[in-house]
Amino acid sequence: MIIVTRKPVVAKNISTNNIEDNRGLANRMWQFAYFLAFAMEHKITLINFSFAEHAEHFEGTRKNLFCSFPQIKVPFAININWLNRMFKISLWFKRISKGLRRRIPRLNSLFSFISIKENYFNLDKKENYELITKYKIVFIEGWKIRCNRTLIRHNHAVKKYFMPRNKNIENVENIIKPIKKKHDILIGLHIRRGDYKEYAPQYYFTYEDYVLFIMKIIKYFKDENNIAFIICSDENIDQALFEQFPCYYSTGHYIEDMYILSKCNYIFGVCSTFSLWASFFGEVPLHTIENKDFNITKEGFKIYQSL
């Protein structure tokens, strides 16, 4: 059994409401996805109460008693307070287990505690996955835990687990279907600003910069007929800034923003696990915007299957 005991670190001083709601969503999804794929591969029970804040939005977790794999399904949506309470209990259980292991040496073969802080920990390596599979209960934490080969093998099951609720899918379809009837190519533009002003200033661009980015993208696709953009952002957009272009806008709900990007033909955006997840989920080519003078190249497009 694997028990996740810490949430991925997210940027501080986040100023906008949408980001506040969305705090760490994509990081937590990627972390959960790796643990989930590993559990599927090795037929291990996984419990992840740390996903409590976002559990209500996904089919794999919203009626899942312990935010677990295999799922323990109930006929009602799980309350976030229950999951947060259980997360605190799991931390208490971890402390008790550490104390018991110190006092009773024969319990060393029962419990293991893994905390990854600096170097990447690759669960695809035999010596690493054996550190987990040889114990009955493993308390694990760390953002830099990966198993890319395993995730790629189980990507369809992982995506099914993270399928959004029907109401979010319907909201996305209501926007996307009419646009695709009118336009041949739909380009998702992910404008992330909010926390990046302090957290990643090299990727913090003005709206005027994004106007120039759109012009550059239109020029690159000049031989394509009838393209359009759908814009997602962590801030409220002044649509007048982009009225000269064929632009549409998502709902502003962070789940729907992520999944509407996954329905586009291409995605452009600064380096962010949010847009990387959209590329992964929808198998959509993503071109990152690395700086103000970035060049669009065929080689720059990538469908992300892992981090």
C-alpha atoms as a PDB file:
ATOM      1  CA  MET A   1       0.000   0.000   0.000  1.00  0.00           C
ATOM      2  CA  ILE A   2       1.212   3.500  -0.918  1.00  0.00           C
ATOM      3  CA  ILE A   3      -0.001   6.492   1.082  1.00  0.00           C
ATOM      4  CA  VAL A   4       0.801   9.971  -0.271  1.00  0.00           C
ATOM      5  CA  THR A   5       1.571  12.268   2.663  1.00  0.00           C
ATOM      6  CA  ARG A   6       2.428  15.649   1.175  1.00  0.00           C
ATOM      7  CA  LYS A   7       0.978  17.914  -1.497  1.00  0.00           C
ATOM      8  CA  PRO A   8       3.305  19.303  -4.205  1.00  0.00           C
ATOM      9  CA  VAL A   9       4.624  22.767  -3.372  1.00  0.00           C
ATOM     10  CA  VAL A  10       2.883  25.597  -5.235  1.00  0.00           C
ATOM     11  CA  ALA A  11       3.828  29.206  -5.744  1.00  0.00           C
ATOM     12  CA  LYS A  12       3.110  31.649  -2.948  1.00  0.00           C
ATOM     13  CA  ASN A  13       1.589  35.109  -3.158  1.00  0.00           C
ATOM     14  CA  ILE A  14      -0.970  34.080  -5.755  1.00  0.00           C
ATOM     15  CA  SER A  15      -3.237  37.040  -6.311  1.00  0.00           C
ATOM     16  CA  THR A  16      -6.174  36.014  -8.496  1.00  0.00           C
ATOM     17  CA  ASN A  17      -9.325  34.123  -7.557  1.00  0.00           C
ATOM     18  CA  ASN A  18      -9.020  31.602 -10.374  1.00  0.00           C
ATOM     19  CA  ILE A  19      -5.468  30.709  -9.404  1.00  0.00           C
ATOM     20  CA  GLU A  20      -6.511  30.531  -5.744  1.00  0.00           C
ATOM     21  CA  ASP A  21      -9.137  27.915  -6.649  1.00  0.00           C
ATOM     22  CA  ASN A  22      -6.684  26.224  -8.985  1.00  0.00           C
ATOM     23  CA  ARG A  23      -3.856  26.162  -6.444  1.00  0.00           C
ATOM     24  CA  GLY A  24      -1.451  23.449  -7.535  1.00  0.00           C
ATOM     25  CA  LEU A  25      -4.047  21.550  -9.606  1.00  0.00           C
ATOM     26  CA  ALA A  26      -1.807  20.492 -12.499  1.00  0.00           C
ATOM     27  CA  ASN A  27       1.149  19.661 -10.232  1.00  0.00           C
ATOM     28  CA  ARG A  28      -1.094  17.476  -8.089  1.00  0.00           C
ATOM     29  CA  MET A  29      -2.582  15.784 -11.148  1.00  0.00           C
ATOM     30  CA  TRP A  30       0.846  14.945 -12.547  1.00  0.00           C
ATOM     31  CA  GLN A  31       2.067  13.658  -9.188  1.00  0.00           C
ATOM     32  CA  PHE A  32      -1.103  11.597  -8.730  1.00  0.00           C
ATOM     33  CA  ALA A  33      -0.840  10.281 -12.303  1.00  0.00           C
ATOM     34  CA  TYR A  34       2.645   8.872 -11.668  1.00  0.00           C
ATOM     35  CA  PHE A  35       1.611   7.170  -8.437  1.00  0.00           C
ATOM     36  CA  LEU A  36      -1.561   5.905 -10.111  1.00  0.00           C
ATOM     37  CA  ALA A  37       0.285   4.393 -13.070  1.00  0.00           C
ATOM     38  CA  PHE A  38       2.781   2.758 -10.691  1.00  0.00           C
ATOM     39  CA  ALA A  39      -0.046   1.282  -8.607  1.00  0.00           C
ATOM     40  CA  MET A  40      -1.733  -0.063 -11.753  1.00  0.00           C
ATOM     41  CA  GLU A  41       1.509  -1.587 -13.010  1.00  0.00           C
ATOM     42  CA  HIS A  42       2.384  -3.358  -9.763  1.00  0.00           C
ATOM     43  CA  LYS A  43      -1.172  -4.008  -8.504  1.00  0.00           C
ATOM     44  CA  ILE A  44      -0.603  -1.973  -5.366  1.00  0.00           C
ATOM     45  CA  THR A  45      -3.222  -0.111  -3.358  1.00  0.00           C
ATOM     46  CA  LEU A  46      -2.777   3.666  -3.542  1.00  0.00           C
ATOM     47  CA  ILE A  47      -4.345   6.208  -1.167  1.00  0.00           C
ATOM     48  CA  ASN A  48      -4.014   9.911  -1.941  1.00  0.00           C
ATOM     49  CA  PHE A  49      -5.991  12.121   0.434  1.00  0.00           C
ATOM     50  CA  SER A  50      -3.713  15.028  -0.556  1.00  0.00           C
ATOM     51  CA  PHE A  51      -5.882  15.432  -3.685  1.00  0.00           C
ATOM     52  CA  ALA A  52      -8.870  16.442  -1.527  1.00  0.00           C
ATOM     53  CA  GLU A  53      -9.322  19.991  -2.879  1.00  0.00           C
ATOM     54  CA  HIS A  54      -9.870  18.778  -6.430  1.00  0.00           C
ATOM     55  CA  ALA A  55     -11.437  15.346  -5.916  1.00  0.00           C
ATOM     56  CA  GLU A  56     -14.996  16.543  -6.624  1.00  0.00           C
ATOM     57  CA  HIS A  57     -14.137  17.418 -10.245  1.00  0.00           C
ATOM     58  CA  PHE A  58     -13.029  14.012 -11.550  1.00  0.00           C
ATOM     59  CA  GLU A  59     -14.839  10.755 -12.193  1.00  0.00           C
ATOM     60  CA  GLY A  60     -12.075   8.702 -10.603  1.00  0.00           C
ATOM     61  CA  THR A  61     -12.192  10.557  -7.286  1.00  0.00           C
ATOM     62  CA  ARG A  62     -15.553  12.295  -6.761  1.00  0.00           C
ATOM     63  CA  LYS A  63     -17.321   9.154  -5.481  1.00  0.00           C
ATOM     64  CA  ASN A  64     -14.179   7.404  -4.290  1.00  0.00           C
ATOM     65  CA  LEU A  65     -14.183   7.026  -0.503  1.00  0.00           C
ATOM     66  CA  PHE A  66     -10.407   7.192  -0.018  1.00  0.00           C
ATOM     67  CA  CYS A  67      -9.253   8.957  -3.231  1.00  0.00           C
ATOM     68  CA  SER A  68      -7.687   5.607  -3.967  1.00  0.00           C
ATOM     69  CA  PHE A  69      -6.792   2.974  -6.496  1.00  0.00           C
ATOM     70  CA  PRO A  70      -8.468   0.556  -6.724  1.00  0.00           C
ATOM     71  CA  GLN A  71     -11.470   2.773  -6.222  1.00  0.00           C
ATOM     72  CA  ILE A  72     -13.764   2.279  -3.243  1.00  0.00           C
ATOM     73  CA  LYS A  73     -16.931   3.611  -4.828  1.00  0.00           C
ATOM     74  CA  VAL A  74     -19.911   5.011  -2.970  1.00  0.00           C
ATOM     75  CA  PRO A  75     -23.232   6.242  -4.444  1.00  0.00           C
ATOM     76  CA  PHE A  76     -22.645   9.863  -3.425  1.00  0.00           C
ATOM     77  CA  ALA A  77     -20.020  12.573  -3.926  1.00  0.00           C
ATOM     78  CA  ILE A  78     -17.353  12.598  -1.226  1.00  0.00           C
ATOM     79  CA  ASN A  79     -17.205  15.713   0.941  1.00  0.00           C
ATOM     80  CA  ILE A  80     -13.907  17.600   0.925  1.00  0.00           C
ATOM     81  CA  ASN A  81     -14.016  17.858   4.734  1.00  0.00           C
ATOM     82  CA  TRP A  82     -14.001  14.058   4.970  1.00  0.00           C
ATOM     83  CA  LEU A  83     -10.943  13.795   2.723  1.00  0.00           C
ATOM     84  CA  ASN A  84      -9.085  16.559   4.580  1.00  0.00           C
ATOM     85  CA  ARG A  85      -9.862  14.862   7.881  1.00  0.00           C
ATOM     86  CA  MET A  86      -8.585  11.566   6.529  1.00  0.00           C
ATOM     87  CA  PHE A  87      -5.445  13.306   5.249  1.00  0.00           C
ATOM     88  CA  LYS A  88      -4.720  14.530   8.781  1.00  0.00           C
ATOM     89  CA  ILE A  89      -5.347  11.038  10.114  1.00  0.00           C
ATOM     90  CA  SER A  90      -2.890   9.609   7.569  1.00  0.00           C
ATOM     91  CA  LEU A  91      -0.224  12.048   8.813  1.00  0.00           C
ATOM     92  CA  TRP A  92      -0.956  10.970  12.379  1.00  0.00           C
ATOM     93  CA  PHE A  93      -0.716   7.314  11.298  1.00  0.00           C
ATOM     94  CA  LYS A  94       2.650   8.092   9.695  1.00  0.00           C
ATOM     95  CA  ARG A  95       4.015   9.574  12.934  1.00  0.00           C
ATOM     96  CA  ILE A  96       2.740   6.618  14.980  1.00  0.00           C
ATOM     97  CA  SER A  97       4.260   4.161  12.466  1.00  0.00           C
ATOM     98  CA  LYS A  98       7.662   5.857  12.697  1.00  0.00           C
ATOM     99  CA  GLY A  99       7.565   5.607  16.480  1.00  0.00           C
ATOM    100  CA  LEU A 100       6.540   1.957  16.395  1.00  0.00           C
ATOM    101  CA  ARG A 101       9.292   1.101  13.940  1.00  0.00           C
ATOM    102  CA  ARG A 102      11.926   2.660  16.220  1.00  0.00           C
ATOM    103  CA  ARG A 103      10.643   0.741  19.243  1.00  0.00           C
ATOM    104  CA  ILE A 104       9.886  -2.598  17.550  1.00  0.00           C
ATOM    105  CA  PRO A 105      12.669  -3.558  15.091  1.00  0.00           C
ATOM    106  CA  ARG A 106      10.667  -6.372  13.478  1.00  0.00           C
ATOM    107  CA  LEU A 107       8.298  -3.744  12.093  1.00  0.00           C
ATOM    108  CA  ASN A 108      11.109  -2.466   9.839  1.00  0.00           C
ATOM    109  CA  SER A 109       9.897  -4.871   7.171  1.00  0.00           C
ATOM    110  CA  LEU A 110       6.332  -3.556   7.428  1.00  0.00           C
ATOM    111  CA  PHE A 111       6.702   0.235   7.113  1.00  0.00           C
ATOM    112  CA  SER A 112       8.804   2.402   4.792  1.00  0.00           C
ATOM    113  CA  PHE A 113       9.091   6.197   4.607  1.00  0.00           C
ATOM    114  CA  ILE A 114      10.259   7.829   1.369  1.00  0.00           C
ATOM    115  CA  SER A 115      10.719  11.587   1.015  1.00  0.00           C
ATOM    116  CA  ILE A 116      12.252  12.941  -2.200  1.00  0.00           C
ATOM    117  CA  LYS A 117      13.394  16.572  -2.041  1.00  0.00           C
ATOM    118  CA  GLU A 118      16.258  17.186  -4.461  1.00  0.00           C
ATOM    119  CA  ASN A 119      17.222  14.566  -7.047  1.00  0.00           C
ATOM    120  CA  TYR A 120      14.661  12.843  -9.258  1.00  0.00           C
ATOM    121  CA  PHE A 121      13.505   9.429  -8.062  1.00  0.00           C
ATOM    122  CA  ASN A 122      12.749   7.132 -11.003  1.00  0.00           C
ATOM    123  CA  LEU A 123      10.282   4.398 -10.061  1.00  0.00           C
ATOM    124  CA  ASP A 124      10.982   2.652 -13.371  1.00  0.00           C
ATOM    125  CA  LYS A 125      14.380   1.636 -12.025  1.00  0.00           C
ATOM    126  CA  LYS A 126      14.330  -1.811 -10.461  1.00  0.00           C
ATOM    127  CA  GLU A 127      16.208  -0.797  -7.319  1.00  0.00           C
ATOM    128  CA  ASN A 128      13.724   2.026  -6.710  1.00  0.00           C
ATOM    129  CA  TYR A 129      10.468   0.194  -7.291  1.00  0.00           C
ATOM    130  CA  GLU A 130      11.738  -2.672  -5.133  1.00  0.00           C
ATOM    131  CA  LEU A 131      12.131  -0.167  -2.287  1.00  0.00           C
ATOM    132  CA  ILE A 132       8.365   0.229  -2.449  1.00  0.00           C
ATOM    133  CA  THR A 133       7.072  -3.182  -3.442  1.00  0.00           C
ATOM    134  CA  LYS A 134       8.903  -5.068  -0.672  1.00  0.00           C
ATOM    135  CA  TYR A 135       7.052  -3.209   2.111  1.00  0.00           C
ATOM    136  CA  LYS A 136       3.420  -3.566   3.174  1.00  0.00           C
ATOM    137  CA  ILE A 137       2.861   0.158   3.801  1.00  0.00           C
ATOM    138  CA  VAL A 138       4.883   2.955   2.196  1.00  0.00           C
ATOM    139  CA  PHE A 139       4.436   6.608   3.139  1.00  0.00           C
ATOM    140  CA  ILE A 140       5.726   8.644   0.214  1.00  0.00           C
ATOM    141  CA  GLU A 141       6.122  12.312  -0.663  1.00  0.00           C
ATOM    142  CA  GLY A 142       8.002  14.385  -3.208  1.00  0.00           C
ATOM    143  CA  TRP A 143       7.379  16.297  -6.423  1.00  0.00           C
ATOM    144  CA  LYS A 144      10.367  14.779  -8.228  1.00  0.00           C
ATOM    145  CA  ILE A 145       9.056  11.219  -8.280  1.00  0.00           C
ATOM    146  CA  ARG A 146       8.624   9.896 -11.826  1.00  0.00           C
ATOM    147  CA  CYS A 147       7.968   6.693 -13.773  1.00  0.00           C
ATOM    148  CA  ASN A 148       7.644   7.884 -17.361  1.00  0.00           C
ATOM    149  CA  ARG A 149       7.690   4.469 -19.026  1.00  0.00           C
ATOM    150  CA  THR A 150       4.996   3.199 -16.678  1.00  0.00           C
ATOM    151  CA  LEU A 151       2.845   6.289 -17.153  1.00  0.00           C
ATOM    152  CA  ILE A 152       3.005   5.936 -20.940  1.00  0.00           C
ATOM    153  CA  ARG A 153       1.967   2.266 -20.634  1.00  0.00           C
ATOM    154  CA  HIS A 154      -1.068   3.136 -18.522  1.00  0.00           C
ATOM    155  CA  ASN A 155      -1.932   6.528 -19.991  1.00  0.00           C
ATOM    156  CA  HIS A 156      -5.418   5.524 -21.183  1.00  0.00           C
ATOM    157  CA  ALA A 157      -6.443   4.240 -17.743  1.00  0.00           C
ATOM    158  CA  VAL A 158      -4.937   7.315 -16.078  1.00  0.00           C
ATOM    159  CA  LYS A 159      -6.863   9.635 -18.415  1.00  0.00           C
ATOM    160  CA  LYS A 160     -10.080   7.761 -17.706  1.00  0.00           C
ATOM    161  CA  TYR A 161      -9.475   8.230 -13.966  1.00  0.00           C
ATOM    162  CA  PHE A 162      -9.073  11.983 -14.503  1.00  0.00           C
ATOM    163  CA  MET A 163     -12.073  12.401 -16.790  1.00  0.00           C
ATOM    164  CA  PRO A 164     -13.913  15.545 -15.638  1.00  0.00           C
ATOM    165  CA  ARG A 165     -17.507  15.509 -14.436  1.00  0.00           C
ATOM    166  CA  ASN A 166     -20.254  15.409 -17.045  1.00  0.00           C
ATOM    167  CA  LYS A 167     -21.319  18.984 -16.366  1.00  0.00           C
ATOM    168  CA  ASN A 168     -17.797  20.260 -17.115  1.00  0.00           C
ATOM    169  CA  ILE A 169     -17.614  18.177 -20.285  1.00  0.00           C
ATOM    170  CA  GLU A 170     -20.986  19.549 -21.418  1.00  0.00           C
ATOM    171  CA  ASN A 171     -19.858  23.132 -20.789  1.00  0.00           C
ATOM    172  CA  VAL A 172     -16.721  22.544 -22.866  1.00  0.00           C
ATOM    173  CA  GLU A 173     -18.646  20.872 -25.687  1.00  0.00           C
ATOM    174  CA  ASN A 174     -21.169  23.724 -25.797  1.00  0.00           C
ATOM    175  CA  ILE A 175     -18.315  26.129 -26.516  1.00  0.00           C
ATOM    176  CA  ILE A 176     -16.114  23.984 -28.712  1.00  0.00           C
ATOM    177  CA  LYS A 177     -18.621  22.405 -31.109  1.00  0.00           C
ATOM    178  CA  PRO A 178     -19.967  25.650 -32.680  1.00  0.00           C
ATOM    179  CA  ILE A 179     -16.404  26.969 -33.062  1.00  0.00           C
ATOM    180  CA  LYS A 180     -15.205  23.825 -34.839  1.00  0.00           C
ATOM    181  CA  LYS A 181     -18.157  24.036 -37.232  1.00  0.00           C
ATOM    182  CA  LYS A 182     -17.038  27.519 -38.278  1.00  0.00           C
ATOM    183  CA  HIS A 183     -13.256  27.034 -38.264  1.00  0.00           C
ATOM    184  CA  ASP A 184     -10.899  24.390 -39.621  1.00  0.00           C
ATOM    185  CA  ILE A 185      -8.134  24.794 -37.038  1.00  0.00           C
ATOM    186  CA  LEU A 186      -8.572  25.765 -33.398  1.00  0.00           C
ATOM    187  CA  ILE A 187      -5.533  27.004 -31.496  1.00  0.00           C
ATOM    188  CA  GLY A 188      -5.571  27.110 -27.718  1.00  0.00           C
ATOM    189  CA  LEU A 189      -3.672  30.018 -26.191  1.00  0.00           C
ATOM    190  CA  HIS A 190      -2.906  29.626 -22.507  1.00  0.00           C
ATOM    191  CA  ILE A 191      -2.173  33.039 -20.991  1.00  0.00           C
ATOM    192  CA  ARG A 192      -0.669  32.447 -17.568  1.00  0.00           C
ATOM    193  CA  ARG A 193       0.246  35.568 -15.636  1.00  0.00           C
ATOM    194  CA  GLY A 194      -0.921  35.726 -11.993  1.00  0.00           C
ATOM    195  CA  ASP A 195       1.770  34.019  -9.925  1.00  0.00           C
ATOM    196  CA  TYR A 196       4.362  34.170 -12.709  1.00  0.00           C
ATOM    197  CA  LYS A 197       4.996  37.867 -12.053  1.00  0.00           C
ATOM    198  CA  GLU A 198       7.049  36.825  -9.014  1.00  0.00           C
ATOM    199  CA  TYR A 199       7.382  33.048  -9.350  1.00  0.00           C
ATOM    200  CA  ALA A 200       8.619  32.926 -12.978  1.00  0.00           C
ATOM    201  CA  PRO A 201       9.129  36.493 -14.258  1.00  0.00           C
ATOM    202  CA  GLN A 202      10.885  35.244 -17.414  1.00  0.00           C
ATOM    203  CA  TYR A 203       7.481  33.931 -18.543  1.00  0.00           C
ATOM    204  CA  TYR A 204       5.428  36.915 -17.404  1.00  0.00           C
ATOM    205  CA  PHE A 205       4.364  38.712 -20.585  1.00  0.00           C
ATOM    206  CA  THR A 206       2.133  41.738 -21.144  1.00  0.00           C
ATOM    207  CA  TYR A 207      -1.141  41.494 -23.025  1.00  0.00           C
ATOM    208  CA  GLU A 208       0.489  43.528 -25.773  1.00  0.00           C
ATOM    209  CA  ASP A 209       3.074  40.753 -26.034  1.00  0.00           C
ATOM    210  CA  TYR A 210       0.284  38.224 -26.470  1.00  0.00           C
ATOM    211  CA  VAL A 211      -1.205  40.322 -29.286  1.00  0.00           C
ATOM    212  CA  LEU A 212       2.158  40.026 -31.050  1.00  0.00           C
ATOM    213  CA  PHE A 213       2.278  36.298 -30.300  1.00  0.00           C
ATOM    214  CA  ILE A 214      -1.101  35.822 -31.986  1.00  0.00           C
ATOM    215  CA  MET A 215       0.096  37.737 -35.030  1.00  0.00           C
ATOM    216  CA  LYS A 216       3.175  35.495 -35.165  1.00  0.00           C
ATOM    217  CA  ILE A 217       1.023  32.358 -34.903  1.00  0.00           C
ATOM    218  CA  ILE A 218      -1.310  33.571 -37.672  1.00  0.00           C
ATOM    219  CA  LYS A 219       1.702  34.184 -39.882  1.00  0.00           C
ATOM    220  CA  TYR A 220       3.016  30.677 -39.219  1.00  0.00           C
ATOM    221  CA  PHE A 221      -0.350  29.145 -40.176  1.00  0.00           C
ATOM    222  CA  LYS A 222      -0.814  31.440 -43.179  1.00  0.00           C
ATOM    223  CA  ASP A 223      -1.323  28.493 -45.534  1.00  0.00           C
ATOM    224  CA  GLU A 224      -4.099  27.058 -43.386  1.00  0.00           C
ATOM    225  CA  ASN A 225      -7.712  28.038 -43.927  1.00  0.00           C
ATOM    226  CA  ASN A 226      -9.947  29.573 -41.341  1.00  0.00           C
ATOM    227  CA  ILE A 227      -8.052  29.329 -38.048  1.00  0.00           C
ATOM    228  CA  ALA A 228      -9.370  30.563 -34.711  1.00  0.00           C
ATOM    229  CA  PHE A 229      -8.072  30.952 -31.160  1.00  0.00           C
ATOM    230  CA  ILE A 230      -9.581  30.012 -27.859  1.00  0.00           C
ATOM    231  CA  ILE A 231      -8.017  31.874 -24.956  1.00  0.00           C
ATOM    232  CA  CYS A 232      -7.690  30.555 -21.403  1.00  0.00           C
ATOM    233  CA  SER A 233      -6.173  32.605 -18.619  1.00  0.00           C
ATOM    234  CA  ASP A 234      -5.760  32.831 -14.870  1.00  0.00           C
ATOM    235  CA  GLU A 235      -6.929  36.466 -15.093  1.00  0.00           C
ATOM    236  CA  ASN A 236      -9.990  38.203 -16.454  1.00  0.00           C
ATOM    237  CA  ILE A 237      -9.246  39.134 -20.060  1.00  0.00           C
ATOM    238  CA  ASP A 238     -10.097  42.481 -21.632  1.00  0.00           C
ATOM    239  CA  GLN A 239     -11.517  41.017 -24.828  1.00  0.00           C
ATOM    240  CA  ALA A 240     -11.187  44.347 -26.620  1.00  0.00           C
ATOM    241  CA  LEU A 241      -7.428  43.724 -26.740  1.00  0.00           C
ATOM    242  CA  PHE A 242      -7.957  40.791 -29.096  1.00  0.00           C
ATOM    243  CA  GLU A 243     -11.053  41.883 -31.020  1.00  0.00           C
ATOM    244  CA  GLN A 244      -9.046  42.191 -34.272  1.00  0.00           C
ATOM    245  CA  PHE A 245      -8.489  38.413 -34.224  1.00  0.00           C
ATOM    246  CA  PRO A 246     -10.861  35.422 -34.465  1.00  0.00           C
ATOM    247  CA  CYS A 247     -10.729  34.782 -30.719  1.00  0.00           C
ATOM    248  CA  TYR A 248     -13.077  32.892 -28.437  1.00  0.00           C
ATOM    249  CA  TYR A 249     -12.902  32.464 -24.683  1.00  0.00           C
ATOM    250  CA  SER A 250     -13.231  29.610 -22.242  1.00  0.00           C
ATOM    251  CA  THR A 251     -15.562  29.699 -19.241  1.00  0.00           C
ATOM    252  CA  GLY A 252     -12.860  30.721 -16.763  1.00  0.00           C
ATOM    253  CA  HIS A 253     -13.425  27.582 -14.690  1.00  0.00           C
ATOM    254  CA  TYR A 254      -9.996  26.034 -14.258  1.00  0.00           C
ATOM    255  CA  ILE A 255     -11.124  22.471 -14.970  1.00  0.00           C
ATOM    256  CA  GLU A 256     -12.930  23.573 -18.128  1.00  0.00           C
ATOM    257  CA  ASP A 257      -9.983  25.736 -19.193  1.00  0.00           C
ATOM    258  CA  MET A 258      -7.658  22.757 -18.986  1.00  0.00           C
ATOM    259  CA  TYR A 259      -9.939  20.424 -20.885  1.00  0.00           C
ATOM    260  CA  ILE A 260     -10.963  22.908 -23.555  1.00  0.00           C
ATOM    261  CA  LEU A 261      -7.248  23.259 -24.362  1.00  0.00           C
ATOM    262  CA  SER A 262      -7.120  19.473 -24.746  1.00  0.00           C
ATOM    263  CA  LYS A 263      -9.805  19.737 -27.462  1.00  0.00           C
ATOM    264  CA  CYS A 264      -7.807  22.138 -29.655  1.00  0.00           C
ATOM    265  CA  ASN A 265      -5.698  21.239 -32.683  1.00  0.00           C
ATOM    266  CA  TYR A 266      -2.649  23.042 -31.249  1.00  0.00           C
ATOM    267  CA  ILE A 267      -1.729  24.707 -27.958  1.00  0.00           C
ATOM    268  CA  PHE A 268       0.581  27.658 -27.342  1.00  0.00           C
ATOM    269  CA  GLY A 269       1.617  28.800 -23.880  1.00  0.00           C
ATOM    270  CA  VAL A 270       4.465  29.451 -21.511  1.00  0.00           C
ATOM    271  CA  CYS A 271       6.068  26.534 -19.691  1.00  0.00           C
ATOM    272  CA  SER A 272       3.405  25.254 -17.299  1.00  0.00           C
ATOM    273  CA  THR A 273       2.253  21.850 -16.063  1.00  0.00           C
ATOM    274  CA  PHE A 274      -1.282  23.102 -16.777  1.00  0.00           C
ATOM    275  CA  SER A 275      -0.826  23.257 -20.559  1.00  0.00           C
ATOM    276  CA  LEU A 276       1.390  20.146 -20.472  1.00  0.00           C
ATOM    277  CA  TRP A 277      -1.489  18.203 -18.929  1.00  0.00           C
ATOM    278  CA  ALA A 278      -3.853  19.468 -21.658  1.00  0.00           C
ATOM    279  CA  SER A 279      -1.366  18.235 -24.277  1.00  0.00           C
ATOM    280  CA  PHE A 280      -1.071  14.871 -22.505  1.00  0.00           C
ATOM    281  CA  PHE A 281      -4.800  14.377 -22.009  1.00  0.00           C
ATOM    282  CA  GLY A 282      -5.896  15.361 -25.516  1.00  0.00           C
ATOM    283  CA  GLU A 283      -2.734  14.271 -27.363  1.00  0.00           C
ATOM    284  CA  VAL A 284      -2.447  17.819 -28.705  1.00  0.00           C
ATOM    285  CA  PRO A 285       0.819  19.323 -30.030  1.00  0.00           C
ATOM    286  CA  LEU A 286       2.043  22.022 -27.649  1.00  0.00           C
ATOM    287  CA  HIS A 287       4.485  24.781 -28.605  1.00  0.00           C
ATOM    288  CA  THR A 288       5.942  26.568 -25.594  1.00  0.00           C
ATOM    289  CA  ILE A 289       6.483  30.329 -25.589  1.00  0.00           C
ATOM    290  CA  GLU A 290       9.977  30.619 -24.165  1.00  0.00           C
ATOM    291  CA  ASN A 291      10.562  34.358 -24.557  1.00  0.00           C
ATOM    292  CA  LYS A 292       9.234  37.449 -26.361  1.00  0.00           C
ATOM    293  CA  ASP A 293      11.184  36.604 -29.500  1.00  0.00           C
ATOM    294  CA  PHE A 294      10.342  32.898 -29.629  1.00  0.00           C
ATOM    295  CA  ASN A 295      10.377  31.240 -33.051  1.00  0.00           C
ATOM    296  CA  ILE A 296       7.675  28.841 -34.159  1.00  0.00           C
ATOM    297  CA  THR A 297       9.139  25.719 -35.739  1.00  0.00           C
ATOM    298  CA  LYS A 298       7.738  22.357 -36.696  1.00  0.00           C
ATOM    299  CA  GLU A 299      10.183  20.773 -34.270  1.00  0.00           C
ATOM    300  CA  GLY A 300       8.904  23.019 -31.495  1.00  0.00           C
ATOM    301  CA  PHE A 301       5.562  21.194 -31.349  1.00  0.00           C
ATOM    302  CA  LYS A 302       5.434  18.262 -28.981  1.00  0.00           C
ATOM    303  CA  ILE A 303       2.694  15.982 -27.691  1.00  0.00           C
ATOM    304  CA  TYR A 304       3.608  15.448 -24.048  1.00  0.00           C
ATOM    305  CA  GLN A 305       3.257  11.935 -22.685  1.00  0.00           C
ATOM    306  CA  SER A 306       5.064  12.686 -19.429  1.00  0.00           C
ATOM    307  CA  LEU A 307       6.975  15.473 -17.697  1.00  0.00           C
END
